[in-house]
Amino acid sequence: VVVDGPESLTGVRRHMLPVKRLSLTDFVARIPRGAREKTLRIALEKDDIMKKWSETSWAKKIKAKEVRANLTDFERFKLMVARKKRAAE
């Protein structure tokens, strides 16, 4: 299967992906077969697919994981102290 983001909107380049590695969602954008990046981008913007995706719990988990991975040492320390304080209450 050919998967396309488009990269400017989602960060996903056009590439091949086996079907068993795909995870489908309920979001549908009507596009013709073999559509170009511009057509796909217009269809995603018209149906507000990216907005709907960002409101899902799956997207929120990915964002939280990203934020946590980018914490500095001091921010991780503050998080640890806050968790200890909350656990003590």
N, C-alpha and C. Protein backbone atom coordinates (compact mmCIF):
# COMPACT_ATOMS: atom_id res chain seq x y z
N VAL A 1 0.85 -1.17 0.00
CA VAL A 1 0.00 0.00 0.00
C VAL A 1 0.89 1.23 0.00
N VAL A 2 0.52 2.22 -0.78
CA VAL A 2 1.24 3.49 -0.80
C VAL A 2 0.60 4.41 0.23
N VAL A 3 1.41 4.93 1.14
CA VAL A 3 0.93 5.82 2.20
C VAL A 3 1.52 7.20 1.95
N ASP A 4 0.67 8.23 2.06
CA ASP A 4 1.14 9.60 1.86
C ASP A 4 0.51 10.48 2.92
N GLY A 5 1.32 11.38 3.50
CA GLY A 5 0.89 12.22 4.61
C GLY A 5 -0.15 13.26 4.27
N PRO A 6 0.07 14.23 3.48
CA PRO A 6 1.30 14.71 2.86
C PRO A 6 2.29 15.25 3.89
N GLU A 7 3.55 15.24 3.52
CA GLU A 7 4.62 15.59 4.47
C GLU A 7 4.47 16.98 5.05
N SER A 8 4.03 17.94 4.25
CA SER A 8 3.90 19.31 4.74
C SER A 8 2.82 19.44 5.82
N LEU A 9 1.86 18.53 5.83
CA LEU A 9 0.75 18.60 6.77
C LEU A 9 0.92 17.65 7.95
N THR A 10 1.42 16.45 7.69
CA THR A 10 1.50 15.43 8.73
C THR A 10 2.90 14.97 9.08
N GLY A 11 3.86 15.27 8.23
CA GLY A 11 5.23 14.80 8.47
C GLY A 11 5.49 13.41 7.92
N VAL A 12 4.52 12.83 7.22
CA VAL A 12 4.66 11.49 6.66
C VAL A 12 4.93 11.61 5.16
N ARG A 13 6.08 11.08 4.73
CA ARG A 13 6.39 11.09 3.31
C ARG A 13 5.64 9.97 2.60
N ARG A 14 5.53 10.08 1.29
CA ARG A 14 4.90 9.02 0.49
C ARG A 14 5.85 7.83 0.47
N HIS A 15 5.35 6.67 0.89
CA HIS A 15 6.18 5.46 0.92
C HIS A 15 5.30 4.22 0.90
N MET A 16 5.94 3.08 0.67
CA MET A 16 5.23 1.80 0.68
C MET A 16 5.16 1.28 2.11
N LEU A 17 4.05 0.61 2.45
CA LEU A 17 3.86 0.07 3.78
C LEU A 17 3.03 -1.21 3.67
N PRO A 18 3.45 -2.29 4.35
CA PRO A 18 2.64 -3.52 4.30
C PRO A 18 1.28 -3.30 4.98
N VAL A 19 0.26 -3.97 4.48
CA VAL A 19 -1.09 -3.79 4.98
C VAL A 19 -1.19 -4.17 6.46
N LYS A 20 -0.46 -5.19 6.90
CA LYS A 20 -0.59 -5.60 8.29
C LYS A 20 0.05 -4.63 9.27
N ARG A 21 0.80 -3.65 8.80
CA ARG A 21 1.36 -2.61 9.68
C ARG A 21 0.45 -1.40 9.78
N LEU A 22 -0.63 -1.35 9.01
CA LEU A 22 -1.55 -0.22 9.02
C LEU A 22 -2.53 -0.31 10.18
N SER A 23 -2.90 0.82 10.72
CA SER A 23 -3.98 0.91 11.70
C SER A 23 -4.99 1.92 11.16
N LEU A 24 -6.15 1.43 10.79
CA LEU A 24 -7.16 2.28 10.18
C LEU A 24 -7.92 3.06 11.23
N THR A 25 -8.40 4.22 10.85
CA THR A 25 -9.24 5.04 11.70
C THR A 25 -10.61 5.19 11.04
N ASP A 26 -11.51 5.88 11.69
CA ASP A 26 -12.85 6.09 11.13
C ASP A 26 -12.92 7.32 10.21
N PHE A 27 -11.82 8.03 10.06
CA PHE A 27 -11.81 9.24 9.25
C PHE A 27 -11.66 8.88 7.77
N VAL A 28 -12.51 9.49 6.94
CA VAL A 28 -12.51 9.19 5.52
C VAL A 28 -12.40 10.49 4.73
N ALA A 29 -11.49 10.51 3.77
CA ALA A 29 -11.38 11.62 2.83
C ALA A 29 -11.56 11.03 1.43
N ARG A 30 -12.52 11.52 0.70
CA ARG A 30 -12.81 11.01 -0.64
C ARG A 30 -11.80 11.60 -1.62
N ILE A 31 -10.95 10.73 -2.17
CA ILE A 31 -9.96 11.14 -3.16
C ILE A 31 -9.94 10.12 -4.29
N PRO A 32 -9.55 10.54 -5.48
CA PRO A 32 -9.45 9.57 -6.58
C PRO A 32 -8.23 8.67 -6.41
N ARG A 33 -8.23 7.54 -7.07
CA ARG A 33 -7.12 6.61 -7.00
C ARG A 33 -5.87 7.26 -7.61
N GLY A 34 -4.73 7.10 -6.96
CA GLY A 34 -3.48 7.68 -7.46
C GLY A 34 -3.43 9.18 -7.32
N ALA A 35 -4.08 9.74 -6.34
CA ALA A 35 -4.14 11.19 -6.16
C ALA A 35 -2.77 11.76 -5.81
N ARG A 36 -2.54 12.96 -6.24
CA ARG A 36 -1.28 13.64 -5.93
C ARG A 36 -1.36 14.28 -4.54
N GLU A 37 -0.23 14.77 -4.08
CA GLU A 37 -0.15 15.36 -2.74
C GLU A 37 -1.07 16.56 -2.59
N LYS A 38 -1.15 17.40 -3.61
CA LYS A 38 -2.00 18.59 -3.54
C LYS A 38 -3.47 18.21 -3.39
N THR A 39 -3.93 17.22 -4.14
CA THR A 39 -5.31 16.75 -4.06
C THR A 39 -5.62 16.21 -2.68
N LEU A 40 -4.68 15.42 -2.14
CA LEU A 40 -4.85 14.85 -0.81
C LEU A 40 -4.91 15.94 0.25
N ARG A 41 -4.02 16.93 0.16
CA ARG A 41 -3.99 18.02 1.12
C ARG A 41 -5.30 18.80 1.10
N ILE A 42 -5.84 19.07 -0.08
CA ILE A 42 -7.10 19.79 -0.20
C ILE A 42 -8.25 18.98 0.40
N ALA A 43 -8.26 17.67 0.16
CA ALA A 43 -9.32 16.80 0.70
C ALA A 43 -9.25 16.75 2.22
N LEU A 44 -8.04 16.69 2.78
CA LEU A 44 -7.88 16.65 4.23
C LEU A 44 -8.33 17.96 4.87
N GLU A 45 -8.01 19.08 4.24
CA GLU A 45 -8.41 20.38 4.76
C GLU A 45 -9.92 20.58 4.65
N LYS A 46 -10.52 20.11 3.56
CA LYS A 46 -11.95 20.27 3.34
C LYS A 46 -12.77 19.51 4.39
N ASP A 47 -12.33 18.32 4.74
CA ASP A 47 -13.06 17.49 5.69
C ASP A 47 -12.60 17.66 7.13
N ASP A 48 -11.67 18.56 7.39
CA ASP A 48 -11.12 18.81 8.73
C ASP A 48 -10.61 17.53 9.39
N ILE A 49 -9.94 16.69 8.62
CA ILE A 49 -9.45 15.41 9.13
C ILE A 49 -8.39 15.62 10.21
N MET A 50 -7.48 16.55 10.00
CA MET A 50 -6.39 16.75 10.96
C MET A 50 -6.93 17.29 12.29
N LYS A 51 -7.95 18.13 12.23
CA LYS A 51 -8.57 18.65 13.46
C LYS A 51 -9.26 17.52 14.22
N LYS A 52 -9.99 16.69 13.49
CA LYS A 52 -10.66 15.55 14.12
C LYS A 52 -9.65 14.59 14.72
N TRP A 53 -8.53 14.37 14.00
CA TRP A 53 -7.49 13.46 14.50
C TRP A 53 -6.88 14.00 15.78
N SER A 54 -6.60 15.29 15.85
CA SER A 54 -5.94 15.86 17.02
C SER A 54 -6.82 15.80 18.26
N GLU A 55 -8.13 15.62 18.08
CA GLU A 55 -9.04 15.52 19.22
C GLU A 55 -9.20 14.10 19.75
N THR A 56 -8.61 13.11 19.06
CA THR A 56 -8.75 11.71 19.51
C THR A 56 -7.78 11.43 20.65
N SER A 57 -8.10 10.43 21.45
CA SER A 57 -7.23 10.05 22.57
C SER A 57 -5.93 9.46 22.05
N TRP A 58 -5.96 8.81 20.90
CA TRP A 58 -4.76 8.23 20.30
C TRP A 58 -3.74 9.33 19.98
N ALA A 59 -4.21 10.41 19.36
CA ALA A 59 -3.34 11.53 19.02
C ALA A 59 -2.81 12.22 20.28
N LYS A 60 -3.67 12.33 21.29
CA LYS A 60 -3.25 12.97 22.55
C LYS A 60 -2.17 12.14 23.24
N LYS A 61 -2.28 10.82 23.20
CA LYS A 61 -1.25 9.95 23.79
C LYS A 61 0.07 10.10 23.07
N ILE A 62 0.02 10.17 21.75
CA ILE A 62 1.24 10.35 20.96
C ILE A 62 1.89 11.70 21.29
N LYS A 63 1.09 12.74 21.40
CA LYS A 63 1.60 14.08 21.73
C LYS A 63 2.22 14.10 23.12
N ALA A 64 1.55 13.46 24.10
CA ALA A 64 2.08 13.42 25.47
C ALA A 64 3.40 12.66 25.52
N LYS A 65 3.50 11.58 24.76
CA LYS A 65 4.73 10.79 24.71
C LYS A 65 5.86 11.62 24.11
N GLU A 66 5.54 12.39 23.07
CA GLU A 66 6.51 13.27 22.43
C GLU A 66 7.01 14.35 23.39
N VAL A 67 6.08 14.96 24.12
CA VAL A 67 6.43 16.02 25.06
C VAL A 67 7.33 15.45 26.16
N ARG A 68 6.97 14.29 26.68
CA ARG A 68 7.74 13.67 27.75
C ARG A 68 9.15 13.29 27.28
N ALA A 69 9.26 12.85 26.03
CA ALA A 69 10.57 12.46 25.48
C ALA A 69 11.48 13.68 25.31
N ASN A 70 10.90 14.86 25.15
CA ASN A 70 11.68 16.07 24.93
C ASN A 70 11.93 16.88 26.20
N LEU A 71 11.61 16.33 27.37
CA LEU A 71 11.86 17.04 28.62
C LEU A 71 13.36 17.16 28.90
N THR A 72 13.74 18.26 29.52
CA THR A 72 15.13 18.41 29.94
C THR A 72 15.31 17.68 31.27
N ASP A 73 16.55 17.58 31.72
CA ASP A 73 16.84 16.90 32.98
C ASP A 73 16.13 17.58 34.15
N PHE A 74 16.14 18.91 34.16
CA PHE A 74 15.50 19.65 35.25
C PHE A 74 13.98 19.47 35.23
N GLU A 75 13.40 19.45 34.03
CA GLU A 75 11.95 19.25 33.91
C GLU A 75 11.56 17.84 34.39
N ARG A 76 12.40 16.85 34.09
CA ARG A 76 12.14 15.50 34.60
C ARG A 76 12.22 15.47 36.12
N PHE A 77 13.17 16.22 36.69
CA PHE A 77 13.31 16.31 38.14
C PHE A 77 12.06 16.94 38.76
N LYS A 78 11.59 18.06 38.16
CA LYS A 78 10.39 18.72 38.67
C LYS A 78 9.18 17.79 38.60
N LEU A 79 9.09 17.03 37.52
CA LEU A 79 8.00 16.07 37.37
C LEU A 79 8.06 15.00 38.46
N MET A 80 9.26 14.51 38.75
CA MET A 80 9.43 13.50 39.79
C MET A 80 9.01 14.05 41.16
N VAL A 81 9.42 15.27 41.47
CA VAL A 81 9.07 15.90 42.74
C VAL A 81 7.56 16.09 42.84
N ALA A 82 6.94 16.53 41.76
CA ALA A 82 5.48 16.75 41.76
C ALA A 82 4.74 15.42 41.94
N ARG A 83 5.24 14.36 41.31
CA ARG A 83 4.59 13.05 41.47
C ARG A 83 4.72 12.53 42.90
N LYS A 84 5.90 12.76 43.50
CA LYS A 84 6.10 12.33 44.88
C LYS A 84 5.18 13.11 45.82
N LYS A 85 5.05 14.41 45.56
CA LYS A 85 4.19 15.26 46.39
C LYS A 85 2.73 14.83 46.28
N ARG A 86 2.31 14.53 45.05
CA ARG A 86 0.93 14.10 44.81
C ARG A 86 0.65 12.74 45.44
N ALA A 87 1.63 11.85 45.41
CA ALA A 87 1.47 10.52 45.99
C ALA A 87 1.39 10.57 47.51
N ALA A 88 2.06 11.57 48.10
CA ALA A 88 2.08 11.69 49.56
C ALA A 88 0.74 12.21 50.10
N GLU A 89 -0.02 12.87 49.28
CA GLU A 89 -1.29 13.47 49.74
C GLU A 89 -2.36 12.43 49.93
